[in-house]
Amino acid sequence: MEEPENWACTLPTAERPLRLAEFDDLLAGAARHRPVRTRLVLDLERRPEVAARAADLAVRETGCCSFFTFELTATGGGLSLAISVPDSRAEVLDALAAR
């Protein structure tokens, strides 16, 4: 099955290293869980500025890579960011998880 054309990344090539650096910063202190191949869950430091940074990154990333789904959850005991992709994009999530 062919993917919709809008599932391609539209972030300009020159900006991609900067976006990767933002993900690297977010991933640096996060515990990672992979409940299924198409979902990565990051346990983040429970601070308002971390939640704001994760939310901002998620909004910008879905603007250029619409195949991502982000779920930011704050509970009494923690802060998590779940990142999901369609099965056909699991290799993108593999690369992100490996960073």
PDB file of N, CA and C in Angstrom:
ATOM      1  N   MET A   1       0.840  -1.177   0.000  1.00  0.00           N
ATOM      2  CA  MET A   1       0.000   0.000   0.000  1.00  0.00           C
ATOM      3  C   MET A   1       0.882   1.236   0.000  1.00  0.00           C
ATOM      4  N   GLU A   2       0.596   2.153  -0.864  1.00  0.00           N
ATOM      5  CA  GLU A   2       1.391   3.362  -0.972  1.00  0.00           C
ATOM      6  C   GLU A   2       0.972   4.370   0.094  1.00  0.00           C
ATOM      7  N   GLU A   3       1.941   5.064   0.672  1.00  0.00           N
ATOM      8  CA  GLU A   3       1.655   6.051   1.706  1.00  0.00           C
ATOM      9  C   GLU A   3       1.138   7.334   1.080  1.00  0.00           C
ATOM     10  N   PRO A   4       0.298   8.055   1.824  1.00  0.00           N
ATOM     11  CA  PRO A   4      -0.118   9.367   1.340  1.00  0.00           C
ATOM     12  C   PRO A   4       1.104  10.254   1.143  1.00  0.00           C
ATOM     13  N   GLU A   5       1.047  11.090   0.145  1.00  0.00           N
ATOM     14  CA  GLU A   5       2.185  11.952  -0.170  1.00  0.00           C
ATOM     15  C   GLU A   5       2.554  12.856   0.994  1.00  0.00           C
ATOM     16  N   ASN A   6       1.569  13.279   1.793  1.00  0.00           N
ATOM     17  CA  ASN A   6       1.847  14.193   2.902  1.00  0.00           C
ATOM     18  C   ASN A   6       2.545  13.513   4.077  1.00  0.00           C
ATOM     19  N   TRP A   7       2.880  12.225   3.953  1.00  0.00           N
ATOM     20  CA  TRP A   7       3.608  11.546   5.009  1.00  0.00           C
ATOM     21  C   TRP A   7       5.110  11.722   4.883  1.00  0.00           C
ATOM     22  N   ALA A   8       5.570  12.435   3.900  1.00  0.00           N
ATOM     23  CA  ALA A   8       6.997  12.691   3.740  1.00  0.00           C
ATOM     24  C   ALA A   8       7.414  13.811   4.683  1.00  0.00           C
ATOM     25  N   CYS A   9       8.675  13.792   5.066  1.00  0.00           N
ATOM     26  CA  CYS A   9       9.204  14.864   5.900  1.00  0.00           C
ATOM     27  C   CYS A   9       9.397  16.103   5.029  1.00  0.00           C
ATOM     28  N   THR A  10       8.863  17.221   5.467  1.00  0.00           N
ATOM     29  CA  THR A  10       8.980  18.454   4.707  1.00  0.00           C
ATOM     30  C   THR A  10       9.928  19.457   5.363  1.00  0.00           C
ATOM     31  N   LEU A  11      10.604  19.047   6.424  1.00  0.00           N
ATOM     32  CA  LEU A  11      11.550  19.939   7.082  1.00  0.00           C
ATOM     33  C   LEU A  11      12.711  20.200   6.132  1.00  0.00           C
ATOM     34  N   PRO A  12      13.054  21.463   5.910  1.00  0.00           N
ATOM     35  CA  PRO A  12      14.189  21.745   5.019  1.00  0.00           C
ATOM     36  C   PRO A  12      15.459  21.034   5.487  1.00  0.00           C
ATOM     37  N   THR A  13      16.211  20.529   4.548  1.00  0.00           N
ATOM     38  CA  THR A  13      17.419  19.751   4.844  1.00  0.00           C
ATOM     39  C   THR A  13      18.359  20.491   5.785  1.00  0.00           C
ATOM     40  N   ALA A  14      18.516  21.781   5.602  1.00  0.00           N
ATOM     41  CA  ALA A  14      19.433  22.561   6.442  1.00  0.00           C
ATOM     42  C   ALA A  14      18.992  22.594   7.905  1.00  0.00           C
ATOM     43  N   GLU A  15      17.701  22.427   8.170  1.00  0.00           N
ATOM     44  CA  GLU A  15      17.191  22.483   9.541  1.00  0.00           C
ATOM     45  C   GLU A  15      17.198  21.127  10.242  1.00  0.00           C
ATOM     46  N   ARG A  16      17.398  20.056   9.495  1.00  0.00           N
ATOM     47  CA  ARG A  16      17.315  18.713  10.080  1.00  0.00           C
ATOM     48  C   ARG A  16      18.341  18.451  11.177  1.00  0.00           C
ATOM     49  N   PRO A  17      19.609  18.862  11.018  1.00  0.00           N
ATOM     50  CA  PRO A  17      20.566  18.640  12.118  1.00  0.00           C
ATOM     51  C   PRO A  17      20.156  19.363  13.404  1.00  0.00           C
ATOM     52  N   LEU A  18      19.558  20.528  13.282  1.00  0.00           N
ATOM     53  CA  LEU A  18      19.106  21.264  14.461  1.00  0.00           C
ATOM     54  C   LEU A  18      17.958  20.527  15.152  1.00  0.00           C
ATOM     55  N   ARG A  19      17.036  19.983  14.365  1.00  0.00           N
ATOM     56  CA  ARG A  19      15.909  19.242  14.933  1.00  0.00           C
ATOM     57  C   ARG A  19      16.410  17.968  15.601  1.00  0.00           C
ATOM     58  N   LEU A  20      17.360  17.290  14.977  1.00  0.00           N
ATOM     59  CA  LEU A  20      17.930  16.087  15.594  1.00  0.00           C
ATOM     60  C   LEU A  20      18.604  16.423  16.920  1.00  0.00           C
ATOM     61  N   ALA A  21      19.270  17.568  16.973  1.00  0.00           N
ATOM     62  CA  ALA A  21      19.907  17.994  18.220  1.00  0.00           C
ATOM     63  C   ALA A  21      18.865  18.233  19.307  1.00  0.00           C
ATOM     64  N   GLU A  22      17.705  18.754  18.934  1.00  0.00           N
ATOM     65  CA  GLU A  22      16.632  18.952  19.911  1.00  0.00           C
ATOM     66  C   GLU A  22      16.123  17.607  20.429  1.00  0.00           C
ATOM     67  N   PHE A  23      15.971  16.643  19.532  1.00  0.00           N
ATOM     68  CA  PHE A  23      15.560  15.308  19.969  1.00  0.00           C
ATOM     69  C   PHE A  23      16.637  14.686  20.844  1.00  0.00           C
ATOM     70  N   ASP A  24      17.897  14.833  20.463  1.00  0.00           N
ATOM     71  CA  ASP A  24      18.984  14.290  21.276  1.00  0.00           C
ATOM     72  C   ASP A  24      18.949  14.862  22.686  1.00  0.00           C
ATOM     73  N   ASP A  25      18.689  16.156  22.798  1.00  0.00           N
ATOM     74  CA  ASP A  25      18.618  16.805  24.103  1.00  0.00           C
ATOM     75  C   ASP A  25      17.470  16.240  24.930  1.00  0.00           C
ATOM     76  N   LEU A  26      16.323  16.053  24.295  1.00  0.00           N
ATOM     77  CA  LEU A  26      15.164  15.501  24.993  1.00  0.00           C
ATOM     78  C   LEU A  26      15.400  14.040  25.394  1.00  0.00           C
ATOM     79  N   LEU A  27      16.043  13.269  24.518  1.00  0.00           N
ATOM     80  CA  LEU A  27      16.291  11.851  24.766  1.00  0.00           C
ATOM     81  C   LEU A  27      17.394  11.612  25.795  1.00  0.00           C
ATOM     82  N   ALA A  28      18.278  12.583  25.981  1.00  0.00           N
ATOM     83  CA  ALA A  28      19.473  12.394  26.811  1.00  0.00           C
ATOM     84  C   ALA A  28      19.163  11.879  28.213  1.00  0.00           C
ATOM     85  N   GLY A  29      18.174  12.438  28.860  1.00  0.00           N
ATOM     86  CA  GLY A  29      17.891  12.016  30.227  1.00  0.00           C
ATOM     87  C   GLY A  29      16.667  11.141  30.361  1.00  0.00           C
ATOM     88  N   ALA A  30      16.176  10.621  29.257  1.00  0.00           N
ATOM     89  CA  ALA A  30      14.913   9.881  29.285  1.00  0.00           C
ATOM     90  C   ALA A  30      15.119   8.374  29.288  1.00  0.00           C
ATOM     91  N   ALA A  31      14.363   7.706  30.145  1.00  0.00           N
ATOM     92  CA  ALA A  31      14.270   6.246  30.054  1.00  0.00           C
ATOM     93  C   ALA A  31      13.370   5.949  28.870  1.00  0.00           C
ATOM     94  N   ARG A  32      13.669   4.866  28.141  1.00  0.00           N
ATOM     95  CA  ARG A  32      12.916   4.539  26.931  1.00  0.00           C
ATOM     96  C   ARG A  32      12.287   3.167  27.056  1.00  0.00           C
ATOM     97  N   HIS A  33      11.061   3.074  26.568  1.00  0.00           N
ATOM     98  CA  HIS A  33      10.336   1.799  26.541  1.00  0.00           C
ATOM     99  C   HIS A  33       9.774   1.622  25.143  1.00  0.00           C
ATOM    100  N   ARG A  34       9.810   0.413  24.642  1.00  0.00           N
ATOM    101  CA  ARG A  34       9.284   0.100  23.313  1.00  0.00           C
ATOM    102  C   ARG A  34       8.224  -0.985  23.454  1.00  0.00           C
ATOM    103  N   PRO A  35       7.001  -0.643  23.874  1.00  0.00           N
ATOM    104  CA  PRO A  35       5.984  -1.676  24.073  1.00  0.00           C
ATOM    105  C   PRO A  35       5.641  -2.440  22.792  1.00  0.00           C
ATOM    106  N   VAL A  36       5.706  -1.753  21.672  1.00  0.00           N
ATOM    107  CA  VAL A  36       5.525  -2.359  20.346  1.00  0.00           C
ATOM    108  C   VAL A  36       6.451  -1.623  19.388  1.00  0.00           C
ATOM    109  N   ARG A  37       6.702  -2.214  18.240  1.00  0.00           N
ATOM    110  CA  ARG A  37       7.675  -1.644  17.286  1.00  0.00           C
ATOM    111  C   ARG A  37       7.290  -0.242  16.810  1.00  0.00           C
ATOM    112  N   THR A  38       6.016   0.083  16.839  1.00  0.00           N
ATOM    113  CA  THR A  38       5.549   1.356  16.307  1.00  0.00           C
ATOM    114  C   THR A  38       5.318   2.414  17.384  1.00  0.00           C
ATOM    115  N   ARG A  39       5.790   2.144  18.600  1.00  0.00           N
ATOM    116  CA  ARG A  39       5.573   3.086  19.710  1.00  0.00           C
ATOM    117  C   ARG A  39       6.810   3.134  20.600  1.00  0.00           C
ATOM    118  N   LEU A  40       7.241   4.337  20.880  1.00  0.00           N
ATOM    119  CA  LEU A  40       8.363   4.592  21.784  1.00  0.00           C
ATOM    120  C   LEU A  40       7.849   5.494  22.896  1.00  0.00           C
ATOM    121  N   VAL A  41       8.097   5.119  24.136  1.00  0.00           N
ATOM    122  CA  VAL A  41       7.660   5.928  25.277  1.00  0.00           C
ATOM    123  C   VAL A  41       8.905   6.423  26.005  1.00  0.00           C
ATOM    124  N   LEU A  42       8.956   7.723  26.209  1.00  0.00           N
ATOM    125  CA  LEU A  42      10.061   8.359  26.918  1.00  0.00           C
ATOM    126  C   LEU A  42       9.574   8.809  28.289  1.00  0.00           C
ATOM    127  N   ASP A  43      10.262   8.408  29.331  1.00  0.00           N
ATOM    128  CA  ASP A  43       9.980   8.901  30.675  1.00  0.00           C
ATOM    129  C   ASP A  43      10.886  10.105  30.891  1.00  0.00           C
ATOM    130  N   LEU A  44      10.272  11.265  30.975  1.00  0.00           N
ATOM    131  CA  LEU A  44      11.012  12.528  31.055  1.00  0.00           C
ATOM    132  C   LEU A  44      11.073  13.030  32.492  1.00  0.00           C
ATOM    133  N   GLU A  45      11.997  13.946  32.716  1.00  0.00           N
ATOM    134  CA  GLU A  45      12.088  14.598  34.021  1.00  0.00           C
ATOM    135  C   GLU A  45      10.833  15.442  34.209  1.00  0.00           C
ATOM    136  N   ARG A  46      10.178  15.280  35.341  1.00  0.00           N
ATOM    137  CA  ARG A  46       8.890  15.935  35.582  1.00  0.00           C
ATOM    138  C   ARG A  46       9.102  17.377  36.037  1.00  0.00           C
ATOM    139  N   ARG A  47       9.326  18.228  35.062  1.00  0.00           N
ATOM    140  CA  ARG A  47       9.484  19.669  35.301  1.00  0.00           C
ATOM    141  C   ARG A  47       8.701  20.412  34.227  1.00  0.00           C
ATOM    142  N   PRO A  48       8.089  21.535  34.561  1.00  0.00           N
ATOM    143  CA  PRO A  48       7.285  22.282  33.594  1.00  0.00           C
ATOM    144  C   PRO A  48       8.065  22.659  32.322  1.00  0.00           C
ATOM    145  N   GLU A  49       9.327  23.026  32.474  1.00  0.00           N
ATOM    146  CA  GLU A  49      10.100  23.435  31.293  1.00  0.00           C
ATOM    147  C   GLU A  49      10.385  22.250  30.367  1.00  0.00           C
ATOM    148  N   VAL A  50      10.526  21.047  30.921  1.00  0.00           N
ATOM    149  CA  VAL A  50      10.714  19.845  30.097  1.00  0.00           C
ATOM    150  C   VAL A  50       9.419  19.529  29.356  1.00  0.00           C
ATOM    151  N   ALA A  51       8.289  19.633  30.055  1.00  0.00           N
ATOM    152  CA  ALA A  51       6.987  19.400  29.417  1.00  0.00           C
ATOM    153  C   ALA A  51       6.759  20.409  28.292  1.00  0.00           C
ATOM    154  N   ALA A  52       7.088  21.660  28.533  1.00  0.00           N
ATOM    155  CA  ALA A  52       6.912  22.699  27.507  1.00  0.00           C
ATOM    156  C   ALA A  52       7.808  22.432  26.302  1.00  0.00           C
ATOM    157  N   ARG A  53       9.038  22.049  26.563  1.00  0.00           N
ATOM    158  CA  ARG A  53       9.975  21.762  25.458  1.00  0.00           C
ATOM    159  C   ARG A  53       9.504  20.556  24.650  1.00  0.00           C
ATOM    160  N   ALA A  54       9.031  19.507  25.326  1.00  0.00           N
ATOM    161  CA  ALA A  54       8.540  18.314  24.632  1.00  0.00           C
ATOM    162  C   ALA A  54       7.302  18.653  23.803  1.00  0.00           C
ATOM    163  N   ALA A  55       6.384  19.438  24.364  1.00  0.00           N
ATOM    164  CA  ALA A  55       5.167  19.812  23.641  1.00  0.00           C
ATOM    165  C   ALA A  55       5.504  20.658  22.416  1.00  0.00           C
ATOM    166  N   ASP A  56       6.398  21.598  22.573  1.00  0.00           N
ATOM    167  CA  ASP A  56       6.794  22.453  21.449  1.00  0.00           C
ATOM    168  C   ASP A  56       7.440  21.628  20.339  1.00  0.00           C
ATOM    169  N   LEU A  57       8.320  20.728  20.705  1.00  0.00           N
ATOM    170  CA  LEU A  57       8.985  19.877  19.717  1.00  0.00           C
ATOM    171  C   LEU A  57       7.970  18.984  19.005  1.00  0.00           C
ATOM    172  N   ALA A  58       7.032  18.432  19.749  1.00  0.00           N
ATOM    173  CA  ALA A  58       6.009  17.567  19.155  1.00  0.00           C
ATOM    174  C   ALA A  58       5.156  18.328  18.151  1.00  0.00           C
ATOM    175  N   VAL A  59       4.752  19.527  18.496  1.00  0.00           N
ATOM    176  CA  VAL A  59       3.930  20.334  17.590  1.00  0.00           C
ATOM    177  C   VAL A  59       4.703  20.663  16.322  1.00  0.00           C
ATOM    178  N   ARG A  60       5.948  21.073  16.468  1.00  0.00           N
ATOM    179  CA  ARG A  60       6.743  21.410  15.279  1.00  0.00           C
ATOM    180  C   ARG A  60       7.033  20.181  14.425  1.00  0.00           C
ATOM    181  N   GLU A  61       7.278  19.041  15.071  1.00  0.00           N
ATOM    182  CA  GLU A  61       7.608  17.829  14.310  1.00  0.00           C
ATOM    183  C   GLU A  61       6.405  17.317  13.517  1.00  0.00           C
ATOM    184  N   THR A  62       5.214  17.378  14.096  1.00  0.00           N
ATOM    185  CA  THR A  62       4.040  16.940  13.337  1.00  0.00           C
ATOM    186  C   THR A  62       3.725  17.904  12.197  1.00  0.00           C
ATOM    187  N   GLY A  63       4.246  19.116  12.282  1.00  0.00           N
ATOM    188  CA  GLY A  63       4.064  20.069  11.189  1.00  0.00           C
ATOM    189  C   GLY A  63       4.859  19.710   9.949  1.00  0.00           C
ATOM    190  N   CYS A  64       5.946  18.974  10.114  1.00  0.00           N
ATOM    191  CA  CYS A  64       6.779  18.612   8.956  1.00  0.00           C
ATOM    192  C   CYS A  64       6.781  17.105   8.681  1.00  0.00           C
ATOM    193  N   CYS A  65       6.477  16.307   9.671  1.00  0.00           N
ATOM    194  CA  CYS A  65       6.439  14.844   9.521  1.00  0.00           C
ATOM    195  C   CYS A  65       5.110  14.354  10.091  1.00  0.00           C
ATOM    196  N   SER A  66       4.080  14.443   9.273  1.00  0.00           N
ATOM    197  CA  SER A  66       2.720  14.189   9.754  1.00  0.00           C
ATOM    198  C   SER A  66       2.459  12.733  10.121  1.00  0.00           C
ATOM    199  N   PHE A  67       3.397  11.841   9.856  1.00  0.00           N
ATOM    200  CA  PHE A  67       3.187  10.436  10.212  1.00  0.00           C
ATOM    201  C   PHE A  67       3.405  10.173  11.695  1.00  0.00           C
ATOM    202  N   PHE A  68       4.009  11.116  12.422  1.00  0.00           N
ATOM    203  CA  PHE A  68       4.211  10.961  13.862  1.00  0.00           C
ATOM    204  C   PHE A  68       2.933  11.288  14.625  1.00  0.00           C
ATOM    205  N   THR A  69       2.714  10.567  15.725  1.00  0.00           N
ATOM    206  CA  THR A  69       1.691  10.920  16.701  1.00  0.00           C
ATOM    207  C   THR A  69       2.404  11.035  18.035  1.00  0.00           C
ATOM    208  N   PHE A  70       2.205  12.139  18.718  1.00  0.00           N
ATOM    209  CA  PHE A  70       2.828  12.371  20.017  1.00  0.00           C
ATOM    210  C   PHE A  70       1.741  12.468  21.085  1.00  0.00           C
ATOM    211  N   GLU A  71       2.004  11.861  22.241  1.00  0.00           N
ATOM    212  CA  GLU A  71       1.108  11.953  23.391  1.00  0.00           C
ATOM    213  C   GLU A  71       1.940  12.334  24.608  1.00  0.00           C
ATOM    214  N   LEU A  72       1.727  13.531  25.104  1.00  0.00           N
ATOM    215  CA  LEU A  72       2.424  14.001  26.293  1.00  0.00           C
ATOM    216  C   LEU A  72       1.492  13.802  27.485  1.00  0.00           C
ATOM    217  N   THR A  73       1.973  13.072  28.497  1.00  0.00           N
ATOM    218  CA  THR A  73       1.139  12.749  29.662  1.00  0.00           C
ATOM    219  C   THR A  73       1.865  13.153  30.936  1.00  0.00           C
ATOM    220  N   ALA A  74       1.181  13.970  31.732  1.00  0.00           N
ATOM    221  CA  ALA A  74       1.699  14.342  33.048  1.00  0.00           C
ATOM    222  C   ALA A  74       0.779  13.731  34.093  1.00  0.00           C
ATOM    223  N   THR A  75       1.382  12.998  35.021  1.00  0.00           N
ATOM    224  CA  THR A  75       0.629  12.395  36.114  1.00  0.00           C
ATOM    225  C   THR A  75       1.286  12.810  37.413  1.00  0.00           C
ATOM    226  N   GLY A  76       0.691  12.426  38.520  1.00  0.00           N
ATOM    227  CA  GLY A  76       1.258  12.760  39.821  1.00  0.00           C
ATOM    228  C   GLY A  76       2.672  12.249  39.996  1.00  0.00           C
ATOM    229  N   GLY A  77       3.005  11.163  39.313  1.00  0.00           N
ATOM    230  CA  GLY A  77       4.320  10.572  39.495  1.00  0.00           C
ATOM    231  C   GLY A  77       5.283  10.738  38.354  1.00  0.00           C
ATOM    232  N   GLY A  78       4.882  11.352  37.260  1.00  0.00           N
ATOM    233  CA  GLY A  78       5.834  11.446  36.169  1.00  0.00           C
ATOM    234  C   GLY A  78       5.342  12.214  34.962  1.00  0.00           C
ATOM    235  N   LEU A  79       6.213  12.252  33.989  1.00  0.00           N
ATOM    236  CA  LEU A  79       5.956  12.923  32.721  1.00  0.00           C
ATOM    237  C   LEU A  79       6.449  11.989  31.627  1.00  0.00           C
ATOM    238  N   SER A  80       5.593  11.702  30.657  1.00  0.00           N
ATOM    239  CA  SER A  80       6.017  10.820  29.568  1.00  0.00           C
ATOM    240  C   SER A  80       5.591  11.392  28.225  1.00  0.00           C
ATOM    241  N   LEU A  81       6.367  11.043  27.222  1.00  0.00           N
ATOM    242  CA  LEU A  81       6.069  11.401  25.847  1.00  0.00           C
ATOM    243  C   LEU A  81       6.067  10.108  25.050  1.00  0.00           C
ATOM    244  N   ALA A  82       4.906   9.748  24.512  1.00  0.00           N
ATOM    245  CA  ALA A  82       4.787   8.563  23.664  1.00  0.00           C
ATOM    246  C   ALA A  82       4.816   9.029  22.216  1.00  0.00           C
ATOM    247  N   ILE A  83       5.624   8.362  21.422  1.00  0.00           N
ATOM    248  CA  ILE A  83       5.762   8.681  20.001  1.00  0.00           C
ATOM    249  C   ILE A  83       5.342   7.440  19.224  1.00  0.00           C
ATOM    250  N   SER A  84       4.366   7.605  18.347  1.00  0.00           N
ATOM    251  CA  SER A  84       3.868   6.487  17.547  1.00  0.00           C
ATOM    252  C   SER A  84       3.987   6.812  16.074  1.00  0.00           C
ATOM    253  N   VAL A  85       4.154   5.756  15.279  1.00  0.00           N
ATOM    254  CA  VAL A  85       4.237   5.882  13.825  1.00  0.00           C
ATOM    255  C   VAL A  85       3.464   4.727  13.195  1.00  0.00           C
ATOM    256  N   PRO A  86       3.047   4.874  11.942  1.00  0.00           N
ATOM    257  CA  PRO A  86       2.459   3.727  11.246  1.00  0.00           C
ATOM    258  C   PRO A  86       3.519   2.650  11.037  1.00  0.00           C
ATOM    259  N   ASP A  87       3.088   1.425  10.859  1.00  0.00           N
ATOM    260  CA  ASP A  87       4.012   0.309  10.671  1.00  0.00           C
ATOM    261  C   ASP A  87       5.014   0.581   9.562  1.00  0.00           C
ATOM    262  N   SER A  88       4.595   1.226   8.500  1.00  0.00           N
ATOM    263  CA  SER A  88       5.488   1.500   7.365  1.00  0.00           C
ATOM    264  C   SER A  88       6.592   2.498   7.701  1.00  0.00           C
ATOM    265  N   ARG A  89       6.489   3.177   8.851  1.00  0.00           N
ATOM    266  CA  ARG A  89       7.509   4.150   9.275  1.00  0.00           C
ATOM    267  C   ARG A  89       8.249   3.707  10.535  1.00  0.00           C
ATOM    268  N   ALA A  90       8.153   2.441  10.893  1.00  0.00           N
ATOM    269  CA  ALA A  90       8.794   1.952  12.116  1.00  0.00           C
ATOM    270  C   ALA A  90      10.302   2.155  12.105  1.00  0.00           C
ATOM    271  N   GLU A  91      10.925   2.123  10.924  1.00  0.00           N
ATOM    272  CA  GLU A  91      12.380   2.322  10.871  1.00  0.00           C
ATOM    273  C   GLU A  91      12.771   3.733  11.303  1.00  0.00           C
ATOM    274  N   VAL A  92      11.895   4.707  11.118  1.00  0.00           N
ATOM    275  CA  VAL A  92      12.165   6.065  11.592  1.00  0.00           C
ATOM    276  C   VAL A  92      12.194   6.068  13.119  1.00  0.00           C
ATOM    277  N   LEU A  93      11.261   5.352  13.721  1.00  0.00           N
ATOM    278  CA  LEU A  93      11.215   5.257  15.178  1.00  0.00           C
ATOM    279  C   LEU A  93      12.418   4.441  15.696  1.00  0.00           C
ATOM    280  N   ASP A  94      12.829   3.414  14.947  1.00  0.00           N
ATOM    281  CA  ASP A  94      14.032   2.652  15.316  1.00  0.00           C
ATOM    282  C   ASP A  94      15.248   3.589  15.415  1.00  0.00           C
ATOM    283  N   ALA A  95      15.393   4.429  14.427  1.00  0.00           N
ATOM    284  CA  ALA A  95      16.533   5.363  14.399  1.00  0.00           C
ATOM    285  C   ALA A  95      16.453   6.367  15.538  1.00  0.00           C
ATOM    286  N   LEU A  96      15.261   6.848  15.817  1.00  0.00           N
ATOM    287  CA  LEU A  96      15.097   7.793  16.917  1.00  0.00           C
ATOM    288  C   LEU A  96      15.405   7.130  18.260  1.00  0.00           C
ATOM    289  N   ALA A  97      14.935   5.928  18.458  1.00  0.00           N
ATOM    290  CA  ALA A  97      15.172   5.204  19.709  1.00  0.00           C
ATOM    291  C   ALA A  97      16.652   4.897  19.913  1.00  0.00           C
ATOM    292  N   ALA A  98      17.378   4.720  18.840  1.00  0.00           N
ATOM    293  CA  ALA A  98      18.802   4.375  18.917  1.00  0.00           C
ATOM    294  C   ALA A  98      19.685   5.587  19.197  1.00  0.00           C
ATOM    295  N   ARG A  99      19.154   6.780  19.107  1.00  0.00           N
ATOM    296  CA  ARG A  99      19.972   7.982  19.305  1.00  0.00           C
ATOM    297  C   ARG A  99      20.401   8.115  20.737  1.00  0.00           C
TER     298      ARG A  99
END
